[in-house]
């Protein structure tokens, strides 16, 4: 369930943020198996496999911090 849907369903904002943080973490983890095509990571090529995208990981950390506040 995404944060917007959680809010529409009447969940408390803290729970909605928590769900958003969980989704962001799962999304960041999923980028580890992707080959970067743009940005600085694209220069790494095959060496980037197994490492989550830095931007996705950062957003995941930010959302996790907001969710804990």
Protein backbone atom coordinates (compact mmCIF):
# COMPACT_ATOMS: atom_id res chain seq x y z
CA UNK A 1 0.00 0.00 0.00
CA UNK A 2 1.41 3.39 -0.92
CA UNK A 3 1.45 6.47 1.29
CA UNK A 4 -1.29 8.27 -0.66
CA UNK A 5 -3.58 5.24 -0.54
CA UNK A 6 -2.90 4.81 3.17
CA UNK A 7 -3.91 8.42 3.76
CA UNK A 8 -7.06 8.01 1.66
CA UNK A 9 -7.92 4.87 3.63
CA UNK A 10 -7.79 6.90 6.83
CA UNK A 11 -4.59 5.51 8.30
CA UNK A 12 -2.77 7.86 10.66
CA UNK A 13 -0.12 9.99 8.92
CA UNK A 14 2.66 8.26 10.87
CA UNK A 15 1.56 4.88 9.48
CA UNK A 16 1.30 6.31 5.96
CA UNK A 17 4.87 7.65 6.21
CA UNK A 18 6.04 4.31 7.56
CA UNK A 19 4.51 2.51 4.58
CA UNK A 20 6.14 5.00 2.22
CA UNK A 21 9.52 4.38 3.85
CA UNK A 22 9.07 0.61 3.51
CA UNK A 23 8.16 0.96 -0.16
CA UNK A 24 11.15 3.23 -0.79
CA UNK A 25 13.49 0.75 0.87
CA UNK A 26 12.14 -2.11 -1.23
CA UNK A 27 12.44 0.02 -4.36
CA UNK A 28 16.03 0.97 -3.55
CA UNK A 29 16.93 -2.67 -2.94
CA UNK A 30 15.39 -3.58 -6.30
CA UNK A 31 17.75 -1.22 -8.12
CA UNK A 32 20.72 -3.42 -7.20
CA UNK A 33 19.88 -5.74 -10.08
CA UNK A 34 19.50 -2.95 -12.64
CA UNK A 35 22.15 -1.70 -15.03
CA UNK A 36 22.47 2.08 -14.70
CA UNK A 37 21.90 3.93 -17.97
CA UNK A 38 22.17 7.56 -16.90
CA UNK A 39 24.23 9.68 -14.54
CA UNK A 40 27.53 8.92 -12.90
CA UNK A 41 26.57 5.33 -12.11
CA UNK A 42 26.33 4.62 -15.84
CA UNK A 43 30.14 4.78 -16.05
CA UNK A 44 30.41 1.77 -13.74
CA UNK A 45 28.64 -0.62 -16.11
CA UNK A 46 28.69 -4.21 -14.84
CA UNK A 47 30.44 -3.15 -11.62
CA UNK A 48 27.19 -1.49 -10.49
CA UNK A 49 25.35 -4.82 -10.27
CA UNK A 50 24.57 -5.76 -6.69
CA UNK A 51 24.77 -2.18 -5.42
CA UNK A 52 21.56 -0.17 -4.93
CA UNK A 53 21.26 3.17 -6.72
CA UNK A 54 22.67 5.91 -4.52
CA UNK A 55 19.78 8.32 -5.11
CA UNK A 56 17.17 5.67 -4.38
CA UNK A 57 19.01 4.68 -1.22
CA UNK A 58 19.18 8.32 -0.11
CA UNK A 59 15.44 8.83 -0.58
CA UNK A 60 14.82 5.64 1.34
CA UNK A 61 16.90 6.95 4.24
CA UNK A 62 15.14 10.34 4.17
CA UNK A 63 11.70 8.76 4.22
CA UNK A 64 12.74 6.42 7.00
CA UNK A 65 13.88 9.41 9.04
CA UNK A 66 10.60 11.27 8.45
CA UNK A 67 8.63 8.15 9.37
CA UNK A 68 10.43 7.86 12.72
CA UNK A 69 9.74 11.48 13.70
